[in-house]
Amino acid sequence: MVSAGDFKNGITIELDNNIYQIIDFQHVKPGKGAAFVRTKLKNIKNGGVVEKTFRPTEKCPKAHIDRKDMQYLYNDGELYYFMDVETFDQIALGEEIIGDSLKFVKENEVVKTVAHAGNVFAIEPPLNVELLVTECEPGEKGNTAQGATKPCIVETGAQVLVPLFVNEGDTLKIDTRTGEYLSRV
């Protein structure tokens, strides 16, 4: 149990049968009345953000979140299969859990599964990945305004905006959080 007076950014708590991560908190001491803690909570499972106030003495159970390295094996159309890199146990997850998190991940790459009480609810891809450009239009001569970009398709099928000098067959480094081009490899 963690009391509201001890809240810190990043702590995960259980509240109303959901798991929330504290994004922001503020201890408020008004001129009249009792002090309280104003928080912004992010629902870890669906990503929604709510604001809630607590009395400093209120207690919430701390949620234990497990992150485990798993190798992404393959997708059979409905399910995505992962293997524990230590025990070689395999699990299958549905598309509703995966969402867009594997947009830049190739088969056989290691990702992190995020679970609470043994139930996986999210996948965290590596921060940066290196992918081959499979489709890309050539950059037009004279179209060299600062920051000019063009769309390219990488080997996972995702579309990325890249600078004009990138060509088909190049290997790119991509930030998986934003989907932005970082550099050529």
Protein backbone atom coordinates (compact mmCIF):
# COMPACT_ATOMS: atom_id res chain seq x y z
CA MET A 1 0.00 0.00 0.00
CA VAL A 2 1.18 3.48 -0.84
CA SER A 3 -0.38 6.57 0.72
CA ALA A 4 -1.30 9.57 -1.42
CA GLY A 5 1.20 11.67 0.52
CA ASP A 6 4.00 9.43 -0.82
CA PHE A 7 2.98 9.56 -4.50
CA LYS A 8 5.78 9.99 -7.04
CA ASN A 9 5.79 10.11 -10.84
CA GLY A 10 5.95 6.66 -12.41
CA ILE A 11 4.42 4.70 -9.52
CA THR A 12 1.69 2.25 -10.58
CA ILE A 13 -1.36 1.80 -8.38
CA GLU A 14 -4.56 -0.24 -8.46
CA LEU A 15 -7.73 1.84 -8.31
CA ASP A 16 -11.33 0.92 -9.21
CA ASN A 17 -10.25 -2.46 -10.66
CA ASN A 18 -7.82 -0.72 -13.06
CA ILE A 19 -4.09 -0.14 -13.09
CA TYR A 20 -2.91 3.44 -13.27
CA GLN A 21 0.50 5.04 -13.54
CA ILE A 22 1.00 8.41 -11.89
CA ILE A 23 1.99 10.89 -14.62
CA ASP A 24 1.84 14.03 -12.50
CA PHE A 25 0.99 14.87 -8.91
CA GLN A 26 0.75 18.02 -6.85
CA HIS A 27 0.36 18.53 -3.10
CA VAL A 28 -2.18 21.33 -2.58
CA LYS A 29 -2.61 23.21 0.70
CA PRO A 30 -5.51 25.63 0.30
CA GLY A 31 -5.96 28.54 2.69
CA LYS A 32 -9.17 27.02 4.01
CA GLY A 33 -9.84 23.32 4.42
CA ALA A 34 -7.65 20.26 4.44
CA ALA A 35 -4.69 19.59 2.17
CA PHE A 36 -5.12 17.20 -0.78
CA VAL A 37 -3.10 15.60 -3.57
CA ARG A 38 -4.14 16.34 -7.17
CA THR A 39 -2.99 13.66 -9.63
CA LYS A 40 -3.03 12.81 -13.33
CA LEU A 41 -3.34 9.06 -13.76
CA LYS A 42 -2.79 7.12 -16.98
CA ASN A 43 -4.75 3.89 -17.36
CA ILE A 44 -2.03 1.45 -18.39
CA LYS A 45 -4.37 -0.95 -20.19
CA ASN A 46 -6.26 1.47 -22.44
CA GLY A 47 -4.05 4.59 -22.34
CA GLY A 48 -6.75 6.96 -21.05
CA VAL A 49 -5.74 9.79 -18.70
CA VAL A 50 -7.90 10.83 -15.74
CA GLU A 51 -7.49 13.46 -13.04
CA LYS A 52 -8.27 12.51 -9.46
CA THR A 53 -7.78 14.07 -6.05
CA PHE A 54 -6.86 12.16 -2.91
CA ARG A 55 -6.63 13.01 0.76
CA PRO A 56 -2.97 12.67 1.84
CA THR A 57 -3.88 9.80 4.20
CA GLU A 58 -5.73 7.71 1.54
CA LYS A 59 -3.96 4.49 0.64
CA CYS A 60 -3.94 2.58 -2.66
CA PRO A 61 -2.48 -0.85 -3.33
CA LYS A 62 0.71 -0.66 -5.36
CA ALA A 63 0.43 -2.56 -8.65
CA HIS A 64 3.35 -4.81 -9.54
CA ILE A 65 4.06 -4.68 -13.27
CA ASP A 66 6.26 -7.41 -14.78
CA ARG A 67 8.34 -6.67 -17.88
CA LYS A 68 9.85 -9.71 -19.53
CA ASP A 69 12.03 -10.15 -22.62
CA MET A 70 10.25 -12.27 -25.21
CA GLN A 71 11.19 -13.08 -28.80
CA TYR A 72 8.54 -12.26 -31.40
CA LEU A 73 8.23 -15.43 -33.48
CA TYR A 74 5.48 -14.96 -36.06
CA ASN A 75 1.90 -13.92 -36.82
CA ASP A 76 -0.60 -16.45 -38.22
CA GLY A 77 -3.22 -13.85 -39.13
CA GLU A 78 -5.17 -13.84 -35.85
CA LEU A 79 -2.56 -14.42 -33.15
CA TYR A 80 0.97 -13.21 -32.53
CA TYR A 81 3.36 -15.76 -31.03
CA PHE A 82 6.14 -14.96 -28.56
CA MET A 83 8.77 -17.11 -26.84
CA ASP A 84 10.35 -16.55 -23.44
CA VAL A 85 14.10 -16.22 -24.10
CA GLU A 86 14.99 -17.96 -20.81
CA THR A 87 12.47 -20.82 -20.44
CA PHE A 88 11.48 -21.19 -24.13
CA ASP A 89 7.77 -21.16 -23.17
CA GLN A 90 5.54 -19.79 -25.92
CA ILE A 91 2.48 -17.55 -25.60
CA ALA A 92 -0.02 -16.32 -28.19
CA LEU A 93 -1.55 -12.84 -27.98
CA GLY A 94 -4.50 -11.37 -29.87
CA GLU A 95 -4.49 -8.26 -32.03
CA GLU A 96 -6.42 -6.25 -29.40
CA ILE A 97 -3.39 -6.50 -27.05
CA ILE A 98 -0.74 -5.93 -29.74
CA GLY A 99 -2.27 -2.90 -31.49
CA ASP A 100 0.38 -0.93 -33.41
CA SER A 101 3.26 -1.90 -31.13
CA LEU A 102 4.76 -4.38 -33.64
CA LYS A 103 4.55 -2.00 -36.60
CA PHE A 104 8.37 -1.71 -36.78
CA VAL A 105 9.33 -5.12 -35.35
CA LYS A 106 10.60 -7.97 -37.54
CA GLU A 107 10.17 -11.63 -36.71
CA ASN A 108 12.73 -13.06 -34.26
CA GLU A 109 13.40 -9.68 -32.59
CA VAL A 110 13.25 -9.35 -28.81
CA VAL A 111 10.45 -7.22 -27.32
CA LYS A 112 9.22 -6.69 -23.76
CA THR A 113 5.86 -8.04 -22.63
CA VAL A 114 4.16 -6.00 -19.92
CA ALA A 115 1.99 -8.00 -17.52
CA HIS A 116 0.03 -7.56 -14.31
CA ALA A 117 -0.90 -10.63 -12.25
CA GLY A 118 0.27 -12.89 -15.07
CA ASN A 119 -1.96 -11.26 -17.71
CA VAL A 120 -0.05 -9.62 -20.56
CA PHE A 121 -1.69 -6.33 -21.53
CA ALA A 122 0.96 -4.59 -23.67
CA ILE A 123 4.04 -5.09 -25.82
CA GLU A 124 7.00 -2.69 -25.72
CA PRO A 125 9.16 -2.80 -28.86
CA PRO A 126 12.86 -1.88 -28.72
CA LEU A 127 13.42 1.91 -28.75
CA ASN A 128 15.26 1.86 -32.10
CA VAL A 129 15.15 -0.68 -34.92
CA GLU A 130 17.06 -1.07 -38.18
CA LEU A 131 14.86 -1.81 -41.18
CA LEU A 132 15.43 -2.17 -44.92
CA VAL A 133 13.59 0.18 -47.32
CA THR A 134 11.52 -1.97 -49.72
CA GLU A 135 9.62 0.76 -51.62
CA CYS A 136 10.72 4.34 -52.14
CA GLU A 137 10.21 6.91 -54.86
CA PRO A 138 13.36 8.67 -56.04
CA GLY A 139 13.86 12.22 -54.78
CA GLU A 140 13.10 14.87 -57.40
CA LYS A 141 15.87 17.21 -58.46
CA GLY A 142 15.26 20.75 -57.34
CA ASN A 143 12.89 19.65 -54.58
CA THR A 144 15.48 20.41 -51.92
CA ALA A 145 13.72 22.80 -49.58
CA GLN A 146 14.87 22.44 -46.00
CA GLY A 147 13.33 19.46 -44.26
CA ALA A 148 11.84 17.97 -47.43
CA THR A 149 10.65 14.39 -46.88
CA LYS A 150 9.07 11.60 -48.89
CA PRO A 151 7.15 8.47 -47.84
CA CYS A 152 8.92 5.09 -47.92
CA ILE A 153 7.76 1.56 -47.06
CA VAL A 154 10.08 -0.53 -44.84
CA GLU A 155 10.32 -4.33 -44.70
CA THR A 156 7.64 -4.66 -42.00
CA GLY A 157 5.12 -2.85 -44.25
CA ALA A 158 5.07 0.37 -42.20
CA GLN A 159 5.30 3.77 -43.88
CA VAL A 160 8.00 6.22 -42.73
CA LEU A 161 8.73 9.78 -43.82
CA VAL A 162 12.40 10.02 -44.81
CA PRO A 163 14.73 12.66 -46.30
CA LEU A 164 14.99 12.87 -50.09
CA PHE A 165 18.44 11.20 -50.25
CA VAL A 166 17.13 7.84 -48.95
CA ASN A 167 16.74 5.20 -51.66
CA GLU A 168 15.24 1.74 -52.01
CA GLY A 169 17.61 -0.85 -50.50
CA ASP A 170 18.97 1.47 -47.78
CA THR A 171 18.87 0.36 -44.15
CA LEU A 172 17.33 2.91 -41.78
CA LYS A 173 17.38 3.43 -38.04
CA ILE A 174 13.83 4.22 -36.85
CA ASP A 175 12.50 5.39 -33.45
CA THR A 176 9.64 2.96 -32.62
CA ARG A 177 7.93 5.38 -30.20
CA THR A 178 7.35 8.11 -32.79
CA GLY A 179 7.89 6.25 -36.07
CA GLU A 180 10.45 8.87 -37.12
CA TYR A 181 13.53 8.32 -39.28
CA LEU A 182 16.74 8.71 -37.23
CA SER A 183 19.58 7.90 -39.65
CA ARG A 184 20.89 5.65 -42.40
CA VAL A 185 22.94 2.66 -41.29
